[in-house]
Amino acid sequence: GYHSFMGSVGRVFSEWGDSLSRSRRHSPR
């Protein structure tokens, strides 16, 4: 489960912006 979790973590990190100004993700609220 740990290895699978870290795979998910890596894929989510790959979707982060390439600069700090684009890094903030907004929740719907």
PDB file of all heavy atoms in Angstrom:
ATOM      1  N   GLY A   1       0.818  -1.209   0.000  1.00  0.00           N
ATOM      2  CA  GLY A   1       0.000   0.000   0.000  1.00  0.00           C
ATOM      3  C   GLY A   1       0.852   1.258   0.000  1.00  0.00           C
ATOM      4  O   GLY A   1       0.526   2.246  -0.658  1.00  0.00           O
ATOM      5  N   TYR A   2       1.957   1.206   0.732  1.00  0.00           N
ATOM      6  CA  TYR A   2       2.895   2.333   0.776  1.00  0.00           C
ATOM      7  C   TYR A   2       3.475   2.618  -0.601  1.00  0.00           C
ATOM      8  O   TYR A   2       3.509   3.777  -1.042  1.00  0.00           O
ATOM      9  CB  TYR A   2       3.988   2.016   1.790  1.00  0.00           C
ATOM     10  CG  TYR A   2       5.287   2.755   1.611  1.00  0.00           C
ATOM     11  CD1 TYR A   2       5.351   4.144   1.694  1.00  0.00           C
ATOM     12  CD2 TYR A   2       6.472   2.050   1.364  1.00  0.00           C
ATOM     13  CE1 TYR A   2       6.555   4.811   1.541  1.00  0.00           C
ATOM     14  CE2 TYR A   2       7.672   2.710   1.217  1.00  0.00           C
ATOM     15  CZ  TYR A   2       7.716   4.091   1.302  1.00  0.00           C
ATOM     16  OH  TYR A   2       8.911   4.750   1.140  1.00  0.00           O
ATOM     17  N   HIS A   3       3.914   1.595  -1.302  1.00  0.00           N
ATOM     18  CA  HIS A   3       4.479   1.804  -2.640  1.00  0.00           C
ATOM     19  C   HIS A   3       3.421   2.373  -3.599  1.00  0.00           C
ATOM     20  O   HIS A   3       3.706   3.273  -4.399  1.00  0.00           O
ATOM     21  CB  HIS A   3       5.027   0.488  -3.192  1.00  0.00           C
ATOM     22  CG  HIS A   3       6.248  -0.006  -2.488  1.00  0.00           C
ATOM     23  ND1 HIS A   3       7.387   0.755  -2.336  1.00  0.00           N
ATOM     24  CD2 HIS A   3       6.517  -1.199  -1.877  1.00  0.00           C
ATOM     25  CE1 HIS A   3       8.304   0.064  -1.671  1.00  0.00           C
ATOM     26  NE2 HIS A   3       7.791  -1.120  -1.382  1.00  0.00           N
ATOM     27  N   SER A   4       2.217   1.857  -3.527  1.00  0.00           N
ATOM     28  CA  SER A   4       1.139   2.359  -4.375  1.00  0.00           C
ATOM     29  C   SER A   4       0.825   3.816  -4.057  1.00  0.00           C
ATOM     30  O   SER A   4       0.605   4.639  -4.951  1.00  0.00           O
ATOM     31  CB  SER A   4      -0.108   1.490  -4.187  1.00  0.00           C
ATOM     32  OG  SER A   4      -1.188   1.985  -4.953  1.00  0.00           O
ATOM     33  N   PHE A   5       0.820   4.142  -2.772  1.00  0.00           N
ATOM     34  CA  PHE A   5       0.575   5.509  -2.330  1.00  0.00           C
ATOM     35  C   PHE A   5       1.633   6.459  -2.878  1.00  0.00           C
ATOM     36  O   PHE A   5       1.316   7.556  -3.371  1.00  0.00           O
ATOM     37  CB  PHE A   5       0.555   5.549  -0.806  1.00  0.00           C
ATOM     38  CG  PHE A   5       0.519   6.929  -0.207  1.00  0.00           C
ATOM     39  CD1 PHE A   5      -0.620   7.710  -0.293  1.00  0.00           C
ATOM     40  CD2 PHE A   5       1.632   7.432   0.461  1.00  0.00           C
ATOM     41  CE1 PHE A   5      -0.655   8.983   0.269  1.00  0.00           C
ATOM     42  CE2 PHE A   5       1.600   8.699   1.024  1.00  0.00           C
ATOM     43  CZ  PHE A   5       0.461   9.473   0.934  1.00  0.00           C
ATOM     44  N   MET A   6       2.894   6.062  -2.812  1.00  0.00           N
ATOM     45  CA  MET A   6       3.958   6.926  -3.305  1.00  0.00           C
ATOM     46  C   MET A   6       3.882   7.092  -4.819  1.00  0.00           C
ATOM     47  O   MET A   6       4.253   8.141  -5.354  1.00  0.00           O
ATOM     48  CB  MET A   6       5.317   6.370  -2.891  1.00  0.00           C
ATOM     49  CG  MET A   6       5.573   6.405  -1.387  1.00  0.00           C
ATOM     50  SD  MET A   6       5.220   8.010  -0.617  1.00  0.00           S
ATOM     51  CE  MET A   6       6.362   9.086  -1.503  1.00  0.00           C
ATOM     52  N   GLY A   7       3.395   6.067  -5.533  1.00  0.00           N
ATOM     53  CA  GLY A   7       3.172   6.236  -6.966  1.00  0.00           C
ATOM     54  C   GLY A   7       2.134   7.308  -7.229  1.00  0.00           C
ATOM     55  O   GLY A   7       2.295   8.149  -8.129  1.00  0.00           O
ATOM     56  N   SER A   8       1.066   7.319  -6.434  1.00  0.00           N
ATOM     57  CA  SER A   8       0.034   8.349  -6.570  1.00  0.00           C
ATOM     58  C   SER A   8       0.596   9.723  -6.230  1.00  0.00           C
ATOM     59  O   SER A   8       0.308  10.712  -6.914  1.00  0.00           O
ATOM     60  CB  SER A   8      -1.150   8.025  -5.646  1.00  0.00           C
ATOM     61  OG  SER A   8      -1.766   6.805  -6.004  1.00  0.00           O
ATOM     62  N   VAL A   9       1.404   9.786  -5.180  1.00  0.00           N
ATOM     63  CA  VAL A   9       2.023  11.045  -4.784  1.00  0.00           C
ATOM     64  C   VAL A   9       2.889  11.600  -5.912  1.00  0.00           C
ATOM     65  O   VAL A   9       2.824  12.796  -6.241  1.00  0.00           O
ATOM     66  CB  VAL A   9       2.872  10.844  -3.506  1.00  0.00           C
ATOM     67  CG1 VAL A   9       3.788  12.046  -3.261  1.00  0.00           C
ATOM     68  CG2 VAL A   9       1.962  10.617  -2.303  1.00  0.00           C
ATOM     69  N   GLY A  10       3.684  10.744  -6.531  1.00  0.00           N
ATOM     70  CA  GLY A  10       4.542  11.193  -7.631  1.00  0.00           C
ATOM     71  C   GLY A  10       3.741  11.718  -8.804  1.00  0.00           C
ATOM     72  O   GLY A  10       4.115  12.734  -9.419  1.00  0.00           O
ATOM     73  N   ARG A  11       2.628  11.069  -9.129  1.00  0.00           N
ATOM     74  CA  ARG A  11       1.796  11.528 -10.258  1.00  0.00           C
ATOM     75  C   ARG A  11       1.122  12.860  -9.953  1.00  0.00           C
ATOM     76  O   ARG A  11       0.986  13.704 -10.835  1.00  0.00           O
ATOM     77  CB  ARG A  11       0.775  10.461 -10.614  1.00  0.00           C
ATOM     78  CG  ARG A  11       1.387   9.253 -11.329  1.00  0.00           C
ATOM     79  CD  ARG A  11       0.350   8.266 -11.804  1.00  0.00           C
ATOM     80  NE  ARG A  11      -0.263   7.530 -10.707  1.00  0.00           N
ATOM     81  CZ  ARG A  11       0.246   6.419 -10.183  1.00  0.00           C
ATOM     82  NH1 ARG A  11       1.398   5.934 -10.642  1.00  0.00           N
ATOM     83  NH2 ARG A  11      -0.376   5.786  -9.203  1.00  0.00           N
ATOM     84  N   VAL A  12       0.720  13.061  -8.687  1.00  0.00           N
ATOM     85  CA  VAL A  12       0.119  14.343  -8.322  1.00  0.00           C
ATOM     86  C   VAL A  12       1.177  15.446  -8.376  1.00  0.00           C
ATOM     87  O   VAL A  12       0.926  16.548  -8.874  1.00  0.00           O
ATOM     88  CB  VAL A  12      -0.525  14.265  -6.924  1.00  0.00           C
ATOM     89  CG1 VAL A  12      -1.005  15.649  -6.468  1.00  0.00           C
ATOM     90  CG2 VAL A  12      -1.712  13.298  -6.944  1.00  0.00           C
ATOM     91  N   PHE A  13       2.375  15.167  -7.880  1.00  0.00           N
ATOM     92  CA  PHE A  13       3.450  16.162  -7.951  1.00  0.00           C
ATOM     93  C   PHE A  13       3.755  16.539  -9.403  1.00  0.00           C
ATOM     94  O   PHE A  13       4.115  17.690  -9.689  1.00  0.00           O
ATOM     95  CB  PHE A  13       4.719  15.628  -7.286  1.00  0.00           C
ATOM     96  CG  PHE A  13       4.808  15.899  -5.814  1.00  0.00           C
ATOM     97  CD1 PHE A  13       5.163  14.880  -4.934  1.00  0.00           C
ATOM     98  CD2 PHE A  13       4.562  17.163  -5.303  1.00  0.00           C
ATOM     99  CE1 PHE A  13       5.257  15.121  -3.566  1.00  0.00           C
ATOM    100  CE2 PHE A  13       4.643  17.415  -3.942  1.00  0.00           C
ATOM    101  CZ  PHE A  13       4.994  16.383  -3.071  1.00  0.00           C
ATOM    102  N   SER A  14       3.638  15.581 -10.321  1.00  0.00           N
ATOM    103  CA  SER A  14       3.944  15.868 -11.729  1.00  0.00           C
ATOM    104  C   SER A  14       2.961  16.864 -12.336  1.00  0.00           C
ATOM    105  O   SER A  14       3.239  17.445 -13.387  1.00  0.00           O
ATOM    106  CB  SER A  14       3.934  14.569 -12.552  1.00  0.00           C
ATOM    107  OG  SER A  14       2.621  14.040 -12.654  1.00  0.00           O
ATOM    108  N   GLU A  15       1.823  17.083 -11.676  1.00  0.00           N
ATOM    109  CA  GLU A  15       0.818  18.007 -12.176  1.00  0.00           C
ATOM    110  C   GLU A  15       0.980  19.409 -11.597  1.00  0.00           C
ATOM    111  O   GLU A  15       0.248  20.316 -11.976  1.00  0.00           O
ATOM    112  CB  GLU A  15      -0.581  17.472 -11.835  1.00  0.00           C
ATOM    113  CG  GLU A  15      -0.885  16.123 -12.472  1.00  0.00           C
ATOM    114  CD  GLU A  15      -2.149  15.489 -11.918  1.00  0.00           C
ATOM    115  OE1 GLU A  15      -2.841  16.152 -11.098  1.00  0.00           O
ATOM    116  OE2 GLU A  15      -2.451  14.342 -12.289  1.00  0.00           O
ATOM    117  N   TRP A  16       1.906  19.568 -10.678  1.00  0.00           N
ATOM    118  CA  TRP A  16       2.119  20.887 -10.088  1.00  0.00           C
ATOM    119  C   TRP A  16       2.742  21.819 -11.126  1.00  0.00           C
ATOM    120  O   TRP A  16       3.448  21.383 -12.042  1.00  0.00           O
ATOM    121  CB  TRP A  16       3.041  20.796  -8.881  1.00  0.00           C
ATOM    122  CG  TRP A  16       2.344  20.273  -7.652  1.00  0.00           C
ATOM    123  CD1 TRP A  16       1.306  19.399  -7.607  1.00  0.00           C
ATOM    124  CD2 TRP A  16       2.656  20.580  -6.295  1.00  0.00           C
ATOM    125  NE1 TRP A  16       0.954  19.141  -6.313  1.00  0.00           N
ATOM    126  CE2 TRP A  16       1.761  19.843  -5.489  1.00  0.00           C
ATOM    127  CE3 TRP A  16       3.605  21.399  -5.691  1.00  0.00           C
ATOM    128  CZ2 TRP A  16       1.780  19.922  -4.094  1.00  0.00           C
ATOM    129  CZ3 TRP A  16       3.639  21.458  -4.302  1.00  0.00           C
ATOM    130  CH2 TRP A  16       2.732  20.739  -3.515  1.00  0.00           C
ATOM    131  N   GLY A  17       2.506  23.107 -10.977  1.00  0.00           N
ATOM    132  CA  GLY A  17       3.087  24.081 -11.892  1.00  0.00           C
ATOM    133  C   GLY A  17       4.595  24.113 -11.781  1.00  0.00           C
ATOM    134  O   GLY A  17       5.172  23.687 -10.778  1.00  0.00           O
ATOM    135  N   ASP A  18       5.237  24.629 -12.824  1.00  0.00           N
ATOM    136  CA  ASP A  18       6.702  24.651 -12.841  1.00  0.00           C
ATOM    137  C   ASP A  18       7.278  25.893 -12.186  1.00  0.00           C
ATOM    138  O   ASP A  18       8.483  26.115 -12.206  1.00  0.00           O
ATOM    139  CB  ASP A  18       7.223  24.541 -14.276  1.00  0.00           C
ATOM    140  CG  ASP A  18       6.652  25.633 -15.189  1.00  0.00           C
ATOM    141  OD1 ASP A  18       5.905  26.501 -14.694  1.00  0.00           O
ATOM    142  OD2 ASP A  18       6.958  25.593 -16.401  1.00  0.00           O
ATOM    143  N   SER A  19       6.415  26.739 -11.612  1.00  0.00           N
ATOM    144  CA  SER A  19       6.894  27.912 -10.891  1.00  0.00           C
ATOM    145  C   SER A  19       5.993  28.142  -9.684  1.00  0.00           C
ATOM    146  O   SER A  19       4.840  27.717  -9.653  1.00  0.00           O
ATOM    147  CB  SER A  19       6.895  29.156 -11.792  1.00  0.00           C
ATOM    148  OG  SER A  19       5.572  29.507 -12.154  1.00  0.00           O
ATOM    149  N   LEU A  20       6.532  28.836  -8.698  1.00  0.00           N
ATOM    150  CA  LEU A  20       5.801  29.052  -7.460  1.00  0.00           C
ATOM    151  C   LEU A  20       4.540  29.864  -7.685  1.00  0.00           C
ATOM    152  O   LEU A  20       3.518  29.654  -7.040  1.00  0.00           O
ATOM    153  CB  LEU A  20       6.703  29.757  -6.446  1.00  0.00           C
ATOM    154  CG  LEU A  20       6.186  29.883  -5.015  1.00  0.00           C
ATOM    155  CD1 LEU A  20       5.875  28.506  -4.446  1.00  0.00           C
ATOM    156  CD2 LEU A  20       7.208  30.596  -4.148  1.00  0.00           C
ATOM    157  N   SER A  21       4.574  30.794  -8.644  1.00  0.00           N
ATOM    158  CA  SER A  21       3.411  31.630  -8.904  1.00  0.00           C
ATOM    159  C   SER A  21       2.247  30.836  -9.462  1.00  0.00           C
ATOM    160  O   SER A  21       1.101  31.244  -9.394  1.00  0.00           O
ATOM    161  CB  SER A  21       3.776  32.751  -9.882  1.00  0.00           C
ATOM    162  OG  SER A  21       4.205  32.208 -11.120  1.00  0.00           O
ATOM    163  N   ARG A  22       2.528  29.643 -10.040  1.00  0.00           N
ATOM    164  CA  ARG A  22       1.481  28.806 -10.601  1.00  0.00           C
ATOM    165  C   ARG A  22       1.219  27.573  -9.756  1.00  0.00           C
ATOM    166  O   ARG A  22       0.516  26.666 -10.162  1.00  0.00           O
ATOM    167  CB  ARG A  22       1.872  28.355 -12.011  1.00  0.00           C
ATOM    168  CG  ARG A  22       2.018  29.471 -13.012  1.00  0.00           C
ATOM    169  CD  ARG A  22       2.617  28.943 -14.300  1.00  0.00           C
ATOM    170  NE  ARG A  22       1.847  27.818 -14.826  1.00  0.00           N
ATOM    171  CZ  ARG A  22       2.289  27.014 -15.794  1.00  0.00           C
ATOM    172  NH1 ARG A  22       3.492  27.193 -16.298  1.00  0.00           N
ATOM    173  NH2 ARG A  22       1.541  26.016 -16.225  1.00  0.00           N
ATOM    174  N   SER A  23       1.782  27.563  -8.561  1.00  0.00           N
ATOM    175  CA  SER A  23       1.768  26.334  -7.783  1.00  0.00           C
ATOM    176  C   SER A  23       0.542  26.165  -6.905  1.00  0.00           C
ATOM    177  O   SER A  23       0.301  25.093  -6.396  1.00  0.00           O
ATOM    178  CB  SER A  23       3.010  26.275  -6.883  1.00  0.00           C
ATOM    179  OG  SER A  23       2.916  27.237  -5.868  1.00  0.00           O
ATOM    180  N   ARG A  24      -0.248  27.224  -6.705  1.00  0.00           N
ATOM    181  CA  ARG A  24      -1.344  27.110  -5.759  1.00  0.00           C
ATOM    182  C   ARG A  24      -2.565  26.496  -6.417  1.00  0.00           C
ATOM    183  O   ARG A  24      -3.040  26.958  -7.432  1.00  0.00           O
ATOM    184  CB  ARG A  24      -1.688  28.493  -5.207  1.00  0.00           C
ATOM    185  CG  ARG A  24      -2.707  28.426  -4.070  1.00  0.00           C
ATOM    186  CD  ARG A  24      -2.946  29.796  -3.498  1.00  0.00           C
ATOM    187  NE  ARG A  24      -3.869  29.725  -2.362  1.00  0.00           N
ATOM    188  CZ  ARG A  24      -4.274  30.789  -1.691  1.00  0.00           C
ATOM    189  NH1 ARG A  24      -3.833  31.973  -2.018  1.00  0.00           N
ATOM    190  NH2 ARG A  24      -5.111  30.660  -0.691  1.00  0.00           N
ATOM    191  N   ARG A  25      -3.054  25.452  -5.793  1.00  0.00           N
ATOM    192  CA  ARG A  25      -4.259  24.797  -6.285  1.00  0.00           C
ATOM    193  C   ARG A  25      -5.431  25.292  -5.452  1.00  0.00           C
ATOM    194  O   ARG A  25      -5.365  25.402  -4.247  1.00  0.00           O
ATOM    195  CB  ARG A  25      -4.133  23.282  -6.143  1.00  0.00           C
ATOM    196  CG  ARG A  25      -5.288  22.569  -6.792  1.00  0.00           C
ATOM    197  CD  ARG A  25      -5.412  21.175  -6.272  1.00  0.00           C
ATOM    198  NE  ARG A  25      -4.129  20.598  -5.905  1.00  0.00           N
ATOM    199  CZ  ARG A  25      -3.741  19.419  -6.330  1.00  0.00           C
ATOM    200  NH1 ARG A  25      -4.468  18.723  -7.128  1.00  0.00           N
ATOM    201  NH2 ARG A  25      -2.599  18.910  -5.910  1.00  0.00           N
ATOM    202  N   HIS A  26      -6.554  25.599  -6.109  1.00  0.00           N
ATOM    203  CA  HIS A  26      -7.712  26.120  -5.415  1.00  0.00           C
ATOM    204  C   HIS A  26      -8.748  25.036  -5.238  1.00  0.00           C
ATOM    205  O   HIS A  26      -9.077  24.317  -6.181  1.00  0.00           O
ATOM    206  CB  HIS A  26      -8.337  27.284  -6.208  1.00  0.00           C
ATOM    207  CG  HIS A  26      -7.441  28.470  -6.335  1.00  0.00           C
ATOM    208  ND1 HIS A  26      -7.418  29.485  -5.412  1.00  0.00           N
ATOM    209  CD2 HIS A  26      -6.514  28.792  -7.259  1.00  0.00           C
ATOM    210  CE1 HIS A  26      -6.531  30.396  -5.771  1.00  0.00           C
ATOM    211  NE2 HIS A  26      -5.973  29.994  -6.888  1.00  0.00           N
ATOM    212  N   SER A  27      -9.267  24.935  -4.024  1.00  0.00           N
ATOM    213  CA  SER A  27     -10.386  24.041  -3.791  1.00  0.00           C
ATOM    214  C   SER A  27     -11.638  24.696  -4.351  1.00  0.00           C
ATOM    215  O   SER A  27     -11.682  25.904  -4.540  1.00  0.00           O
ATOM    216  CB  SER A  27     -10.551  23.792  -2.294  1.00  0.00           C
ATOM    217  OG  SER A  27     -10.922  24.987  -1.644  1.00  0.00           O
ATOM    218  N   PRO A  28     -12.717  23.931  -4.637  1.00  0.00           N
ATOM    219  CA  PRO A  28     -13.950  24.530  -5.139  1.00  0.00           C
ATOM    220  C   PRO A  28     -14.476  25.618  -4.221  1.00  0.00           C
ATOM    221  O   PRO A  28     -14.938  26.655  -4.678  1.00  0.00           O
ATOM    222  CB  PRO A  28     -14.908  23.330  -5.209  1.00  0.00           C
ATOM    223  CG  PRO A  28     -14.019  22.152  -5.394  1.00  0.00           C
ATOM    224  CD  PRO A  28     -12.784  22.466  -4.595  1.00  0.00           C
ATOM    225  N   ARG A  29     -14.401  25.397  -2.907  1.00  0.00           N
ATOM    226  CA  ARG A  29     -14.908  26.411  -1.985  1.00  0.00           C
ATOM    227  C   ARG A  29     -14.090  27.676  -2.058  1.00  0.00           C
ATOM    228  O   ARG A  29     -14.608  28.785  -2.054  1.00  0.00           O
ATOM    229  CB  ARG A  29     -14.883  25.853  -0.555  1.00  0.00           C
ATOM    230  CG  ARG A  29     -15.395  26.838   0.479  1.00  0.00           C
ATOM    231  CD  ARG A  29     -15.331  26.243   1.868  1.00  0.00           C
ATOM    232  NE  ARG A  29     -16.163  25.062   1.968  1.00  0.00           N
ATOM    233  CZ  ARG A  29     -16.236  24.341   3.079  1.00  0.00           C
ATOM    234  NH1 ARG A  29     -15.534  24.692   4.149  1.00  0.00           N
ATOM    235  NH2 ARG A  29     -17.006  23.266   3.114  1.00  0.00           N
TER     236      ARG A  29
END
